């Protein structure tokens, strides 16, 4: 029998605590600890995050009541619902802070397709830095900006757009899409009268996250960026359920899409964020799409792994 010090046992009964190995743990991410492998976490103070974690736990415990209140208001409202969906994902007044000198940084200009990231400056000296960019729509401003600011190798995946043309150093374009089920999106729009794109019927254009990691011989991904018009649910369904836990991206920046009064997206949206919390991700920032508040830009950091 292994005996533990009573004070250690008392600490470990708390919903969030710093263990005897000086690693933060939380009931929101069971069986995980402070992700020391994540280079973005180096300037963070675990005691500061512990205080935040306790507040996030309190929010989580009242989530059913909060969801009831939000959806009751939603059911009675006529017209566009707007951005109340954000409050179902996290307490927006308590984001994870970004402690870097430049704070949160917009990468890729001001046009659609840019993303907000935290701590990009730490990637400059890293020789093994890897970025996966999903969705281009033939706009590579995000990739060009990161190539200039970092030493990262960037892999862009898009089965719906052409390559950028001439070869670009450290940028590899793959004309495939990620996701476990190639036809998932097709069934998310059952009442859409527009012709379905042939890509949804071509399984050869889709690969799982695990498979591309093996093909690229990558053991870690520093940044995952996504802007794939609703395809994020297919990617997360594959990524969060099948990928080796150690290979999950350290930072994720993506746009979520929840078309008004659509039960498919409502359910997927809630399950997606619930699993992101469980797998150790915390939300740094959200930003509404200026043209449609049901589309939201998110930035998340993997705090526990």
Protein backbone atom coordinates (compact mmCIF):
# COMPACT_ATOMS: atom_id res chain seq x y z
CA UNK A 1 0.00 0.00 0.00
CA UNK A 2 1.25 3.49 -0.88
CA UNK A 3 0.64 6.05 1.85
CA UNK A 4 0.15 9.70 1.04
CA UNK A 5 0.67 12.68 3.28
CA UNK A 6 -2.72 13.89 4.61
CA UNK A 7 -2.07 17.45 3.41
CA UNK A 8 -1.47 16.13 -0.13
CA UNK A 9 -4.72 14.16 -0.01
CA UNK A 10 -6.61 17.27 1.16
CA UNK A 11 -5.16 19.28 -1.73
CA UNK A 12 -6.06 16.62 -4.27
CA UNK A 13 -9.69 16.70 -3.17
CA UNK A 14 -9.96 20.24 -4.47
CA UNK A 15 -11.44 20.72 -7.96
CA UNK A 16 -8.18 22.37 -9.10
CA UNK A 17 -4.79 22.23 -7.40
CA UNK A 18 -1.03 22.29 -7.94
CA UNK A 19 0.26 18.79 -7.18
CA UNK A 20 3.43 17.69 -5.41
CA UNK A 21 5.29 17.73 -8.75
CA UNK A 22 4.38 21.40 -9.19
CA UNK A 23 1.89 20.74 -11.97
CA UNK A 24 -1.59 22.26 -12.09
CA UNK A 25 -4.49 19.79 -12.35
CA UNK A 26 -8.23 20.39 -12.79
CA UNK A 27 -11.46 18.42 -12.82
CA UNK A 28 -12.33 20.21 -16.07
CA UNK A 29 -9.55 18.23 -17.79
CA UNK A 30 -9.53 14.84 -16.01
CA UNK A 31 -6.29 12.82 -15.92
CA UNK A 32 -4.30 15.69 -17.45
CA UNK A 33 -1.70 18.02 -15.94
CA UNK A 34 -0.06 21.34 -16.76
CA UNK A 35 1.24 20.90 -20.31
CA UNK A 36 4.98 21.44 -19.86
CA UNK A 37 5.56 20.35 -23.48
CA UNK A 38 3.66 23.40 -24.77
CA UNK A 39 6.25 26.16 -25.42
CA UNK A 40 3.56 28.85 -25.36
CA UNK A 41 3.02 28.17 -21.63
CA UNK A 42 6.54 29.08 -20.49
CA UNK A 43 5.76 32.65 -19.28
CA UNK A 44 2.53 31.62 -17.52
CA UNK A 45 2.23 31.59 -13.72
CA UNK A 46 0.41 28.43 -12.64
CA UNK A 47 -0.97 30.12 -9.52
CA UNK A 48 -2.65 32.78 -11.66
CA UNK A 49 -4.19 30.10 -13.87
CA UNK A 50 -5.24 28.14 -10.76
CA UNK A 51 -7.33 31.13 -9.62
CA UNK A 52 -8.90 31.34 -13.08
CA UNK A 53 -9.50 27.60 -13.19
CA UNK A 54 -11.51 27.73 -9.97
CA UNK A 55 -13.70 30.45 -11.51
CA UNK A 56 -14.12 28.42 -14.70
CA UNK A 57 -15.16 25.42 -12.61
CA UNK A 58 -17.79 27.54 -10.87
CA UNK A 59 -19.09 28.66 -14.29
CA UNK A 60 -19.15 25.07 -15.53
CA UNK A 61 -21.20 23.90 -12.56
CA UNK A 62 -23.90 26.47 -13.35
CA UNK A 63 -23.86 25.79 -17.10
CA UNK A 64 -27.22 24.02 -17.21
CA UNK A 65 -28.98 27.03 -15.67
CA UNK A 66 -27.08 29.39 -17.95
CA UNK A 67 -27.93 27.30 -21.03
CA UNK A 68 -31.59 27.22 -20.02
CA UNK A 69 -31.69 31.02 -19.63
CA UNK A 70 -29.94 31.66 -22.95
CA UNK A 71 -32.04 29.19 -24.94
CA UNK A 72 -35.30 30.42 -23.40
CA UNK A 73 -34.44 33.91 -24.62
CA UNK A 74 -33.41 32.43 -27.97
CA UNK A 75 -36.71 30.55 -28.38
CA UNK A 76 -38.74 33.71 -27.82
CA UNK A 77 -36.64 35.91 -30.08
CA UNK A 78 -37.68 36.61 -33.65
CA UNK A 79 -35.06 37.03 -36.34
CA UNK A 80 -31.29 36.65 -36.15
CA UNK A 81 -30.15 35.36 -32.79
CA UNK A 82 -26.77 37.04 -32.92
CA UNK A 83 -23.88 36.13 -30.66
CA UNK A 84 -25.33 34.61 -27.50
CA UNK A 85 -23.75 31.29 -28.52
CA UNK A 86 -20.40 32.56 -27.22
CA UNK A 87 -21.72 32.46 -23.65
CA UNK A 88 -22.48 28.77 -24.03
CA UNK A 89 -18.82 28.04 -24.81
CA UNK A 90 -17.05 29.91 -22.00
CA UNK A 91 -17.40 32.80 -19.53
CA UNK A 92 -16.36 35.58 -21.90
CA UNK A 93 -15.42 37.92 -19.05
CA UNK A 94 -12.77 35.41 -17.91
CA UNK A 95 -10.55 34.59 -20.91
CA UNK A 96 -7.15 32.99 -20.53
CA UNK A 97 -4.66 35.90 -20.57
CA UNK A 98 -1.83 36.17 -23.11
CA UNK A 99 1.25 37.28 -21.11
CA UNK A 100 3.53 38.06 -24.03
CA UNK A 101 4.91 41.52 -24.83
CA UNK A 102 2.80 41.84 -27.98
CA UNK A 103 -0.25 40.27 -26.31
CA UNK A 104 -2.68 38.82 -28.86
CA UNK A 105 -1.50 39.47 -32.41
CA UNK A 106 -3.51 39.56 -35.63
CA UNK A 107 -1.73 37.56 -38.32
CA UNK A 108 -2.49 37.90 -42.03
CA UNK A 109 -3.68 41.49 -42.42
CA UNK A 110 -7.17 42.86 -41.86
CA UNK A 111 -9.06 41.01 -44.59
CA UNK A 112 -11.11 37.87 -44.03
CA UNK A 113 -8.78 34.94 -43.37
CA UNK A 114 -6.57 36.56 -40.74
CA UNK A 115 -6.24 34.91 -37.34
CA UNK A 116 -5.43 36.09 -33.81
CA UNK A 117 -2.56 34.26 -32.07
CA UNK A 118 -0.69 34.46 -28.76
CA UNK A 119 3.09 34.35 -28.38
CA UNK A 120 4.05 34.13 -32.05
CA UNK A 121 7.46 35.63 -31.19
CA UNK A 122 8.61 32.45 -29.43
CA UNK A 123 8.41 30.52 -32.71
CA UNK A 124 11.22 32.45 -34.43
CA UNK A 125 14.11 30.49 -32.88
CA UNK A 126 12.39 27.08 -33.01
CA UNK A 127 13.84 24.85 -35.72
CA UNK A 128 11.09 22.23 -35.53
CA UNK A 129 8.09 24.57 -35.51
CA UNK A 130 5.09 23.22 -37.44
CA UNK A 131 1.90 25.04 -38.50
CA UNK A 132 -1.12 23.41 -40.14
CA UNK A 133 -3.42 25.81 -42.01
CA UNK A 134 -6.78 24.39 -43.09
CA UNK A 135 -8.66 26.33 -45.74
CA UNK A 136 -7.14 28.96 -48.02
CA UNK A 137 -9.74 30.06 -50.59
CA UNK A 138 -6.65 30.98 -52.60
CA UNK A 139 -5.68 33.57 -49.95
CA UNK A 140 -2.28 32.89 -48.39
CA UNK A 141 -1.78 36.11 -46.40
CA UNK A 142 -1.84 34.18 -43.12
CA UNK A 143 0.87 31.81 -44.36
CA UNK A 144 3.03 34.60 -45.81
CA UNK A 145 2.88 36.56 -42.54
CA UNK A 146 3.92 33.55 -40.46
CA UNK A 147 6.72 32.66 -42.87
CA UNK A 148 8.07 36.17 -42.39
CA UNK A 149 7.73 36.24 -38.60
CA UNK A 150 8.78 32.66 -37.74
CA UNK A 151 11.00 29.81 -38.87
CA UNK A 152 8.03 27.42 -39.02
CA UNK A 153 7.27 24.87 -41.70
CA UNK A 154 3.69 25.52 -42.84
CA UNK A 155 1.39 22.92 -44.37
CA UNK A 156 -1.79 24.25 -46.00
CA UNK A 157 -4.67 21.84 -46.66
CA UNK A 158 -7.54 22.71 -49.00
CA UNK A 159 -9.25 20.32 -51.43
CA UNK A 160 -11.40 23.13 -52.87
CA UNK A 161 -8.72 25.63 -53.98
CA UNK A 162 -5.63 25.67 -56.21
CA UNK A 163 -2.06 25.86 -54.93
CA UNK A 164 -0.34 29.27 -54.63
CA UNK A 165 1.60 28.58 -57.85
CA UNK A 166 5.39 28.69 -57.76
CA UNK A 167 7.06 26.76 -54.90
CA UNK A 168 7.50 28.76 -51.69
CA UNK A 169 10.20 27.90 -49.17
CA UNK A 170 8.80 26.26 -45.99
CA UNK A 171 5.24 26.24 -47.39
CA UNK A 172 3.72 22.97 -48.61
CA UNK A 173 0.27 22.95 -50.19
CA UNK A 174 -1.85 19.79 -50.07
CA UNK A 175 -4.97 19.67 -52.23
CA UNK A 176 -6.84 17.53 -49.70
CA UNK A 177 -9.13 18.26 -46.76
CA UNK A 178 -9.04 16.95 -43.21
CA UNK A 179 -11.84 15.09 -41.50
CA UNK A 180 -12.88 11.57 -40.71
CA UNK A 181 -16.13 11.56 -42.71
CA UNK A 182 -15.92 13.13 -46.14
CA UNK A 183 -19.71 13.55 -46.41
CA UNK A 184 -20.41 14.92 -42.93
CA UNK A 185 -21.01 18.48 -44.15
CA UNK A 186 -23.46 17.28 -46.79
CA UNK A 187 -25.78 15.94 -44.11
CA UNK A 188 -25.49 19.08 -42.00
CA UNK A 189 -27.46 21.01 -44.61
CA UNK A 190 -30.42 18.72 -45.43
CA UNK A 191 -32.69 21.59 -46.48
CA UNK A 192 -30.15 23.36 -48.67
CA UNK A 193 -31.45 23.37 -52.26
CA UNK A 194 -28.06 24.25 -53.77
CA UNK A 195 -26.24 21.43 -55.63
CA UNK A 196 -23.79 19.60 -53.38
CA UNK A 197 -20.13 19.91 -54.27
CA UNK A 198 -18.56 16.76 -55.64
CA UNK A 199 -15.83 16.94 -52.99
CA UNK A 200 -18.27 15.55 -50.42
CA UNK A 201 -18.57 12.36 -52.48
CA UNK A 202 -14.83 11.88 -53.02
CA UNK A 203 -13.30 10.10 -50.04
CA UNK A 204 -9.86 10.28 -51.64
CA UNK A 205 -9.76 14.02 -50.98
CA UNK A 206 -10.09 13.56 -47.22
CA UNK A 207 -7.54 12.33 -44.69
CA UNK A 208 -7.54 12.00 -40.91
CA UNK A 209 -5.30 14.12 -38.69
CA UNK A 210 -3.45 11.01 -37.52
CA UNK A 211 -2.70 10.02 -41.10
CA UNK A 212 -1.21 13.36 -42.14
CA UNK A 213 0.92 13.46 -38.99
CA UNK A 214 2.40 10.10 -39.97
CA UNK A 215 2.83 11.09 -43.61
CA UNK A 216 4.61 14.32 -42.63
CA UNK A 217 6.56 12.60 -39.82
CA UNK A 218 5.41 15.26 -37.37
CA UNK A 219 5.21 14.52 -33.65
CA UNK A 220 3.82 17.92 -32.66
CA UNK A 221 1.91 20.80 -34.21
CA UNK A 222 2.47 24.24 -32.71
CA UNK A 223 -0.45 26.02 -34.40
CA UNK A 224 -3.58 24.72 -36.10
CA UNK A 225 -5.50 27.35 -38.07
CA UNK A 226 -8.92 26.64 -39.58
CA UNK A 227 -11.35 28.64 -41.70
CA UNK A 228 -13.36 26.00 -43.55
CA UNK A 229 -16.98 27.21 -43.56
CA UNK A 230 -18.56 24.67 -41.23
CA UNK A 231 -16.04 21.91 -41.92
CA UNK A 232 -14.46 22.53 -38.50
CA UNK A 233 -16.95 20.10 -36.95
CA UNK A 234 -15.75 17.27 -39.18
CA UNK A 235 -12.12 18.08 -38.37
CA UNK A 236 -12.69 18.26 -34.62
CA UNK A 237 -14.76 15.06 -34.70
CA UNK A 238 -11.68 13.35 -36.09
CA UNK A 239 -8.98 15.29 -34.23
CA UNK A 240 -10.42 15.19 -30.71
CA UNK A 241 -11.62 11.60 -30.79
CA UNK A 242 -8.83 9.77 -32.56
CA UNK A 243 -5.57 11.71 -32.42
CA UNK A 244 -2.86 10.67 -29.98
CA UNK A 245 -3.24 13.02 -27.02
CA UNK A 246 0.38 14.11 -27.18
CA UNK A 247 0.00 15.24 -30.80
CA UNK A 248 -2.89 17.65 -30.30
CA UNK A 249 -1.95 21.20 -31.41
CA UNK A 250 -0.56 23.55 -28.77
CA UNK A 251 -2.60 26.51 -30.07
CA UNK A 252 -5.73 26.53 -32.24
CA UNK A 253 -7.26 29.47 -34.08
CA UNK A 254 -10.47 28.82 -36.01
CA UNK A 255 -13.81 30.24 -37.07
CA UNK A 256 -16.95 28.47 -35.88
CA UNK A 257 -20.20 28.58 -37.84
CA UNK A 258 -23.64 28.20 -36.35
CA UNK A 259 -26.39 29.02 -38.79
CA UNK A 260 -29.42 30.57 -37.14
CA UNK A 261 -31.84 28.08 -35.54
CA UNK A 262 -29.96 25.07 -36.91
CA UNK A 263 -30.14 22.11 -34.50
CA UNK A 264 -27.26 20.30 -36.24
CA UNK A 265 -24.80 23.09 -35.52
CA UNK A 266 -26.23 23.73 -32.06
CA UNK A 267 -25.51 20.18 -30.91
CA UNK A 268 -22.12 19.95 -32.61
CA UNK A 269 -21.08 23.35 -31.25
CA UNK A 270 -21.80 22.35 -27.64
CA UNK A 271 -20.16 18.93 -27.91
CA UNK A 272 -17.12 20.40 -29.64
CA UNK A 273 -16.41 22.98 -26.94
CA UNK A 274 -17.15 20.52 -24.14
CA UNK A 275 -14.52 18.16 -25.51
CA UNK A 276 -12.02 20.98 -26.04
CA UNK A 277 -12.33 21.82 -22.33
CA UNK A 278 -11.88 18.17 -21.34
CA UNK A 279 -8.76 17.81 -23.49
CA UNK A 280 -7.08 20.75 -21.81
CA UNK A 281 -7.85 23.72 -24.06
CA UNK A 282 -8.70 27.13 -22.62
CA UNK A 283 -10.06 30.09 -24.58
CA UNK A 284 -7.82 33.10 -25.09
CA UNK A 285 -10.09 35.18 -27.26
CA UNK A 286 -13.24 35.33 -29.35
CA UNK A 287 -14.20 37.82 -32.04
CA UNK A 288 -17.51 38.05 -33.89
CA UNK A 289 -17.49 38.08 -37.66
CA UNK A 290 -18.37 41.64 -38.66
CA UNK A 291 -20.83 40.42 -41.29
CA UNK A 292 -22.50 37.63 -39.31
CA UNK A 293 -22.43 37.32 -35.51
CA UNK A 294 -23.26 33.61 -35.69
CA UNK A 295 -19.74 33.15 -37.09
CA UNK A 296 -17.07 33.56 -34.41
CA UNK A 297 -13.26 33.57 -34.48
CA UNK A 298 -11.69 31.65 -31.59
CA UNK A 299 -8.16 31.32 -30.22
CA UNK A 300 -7.40 28.49 -27.77
CA UNK A 301 -4.29 27.31 -25.94
CA UNK A 302 -3.64 23.79 -24.68
CA UNK A 303 -3.01 24.29 -20.95
CA UNK A 304 -3.32 20.64 -19.88
CA UNK A 305 -2.02 17.55 -21.66
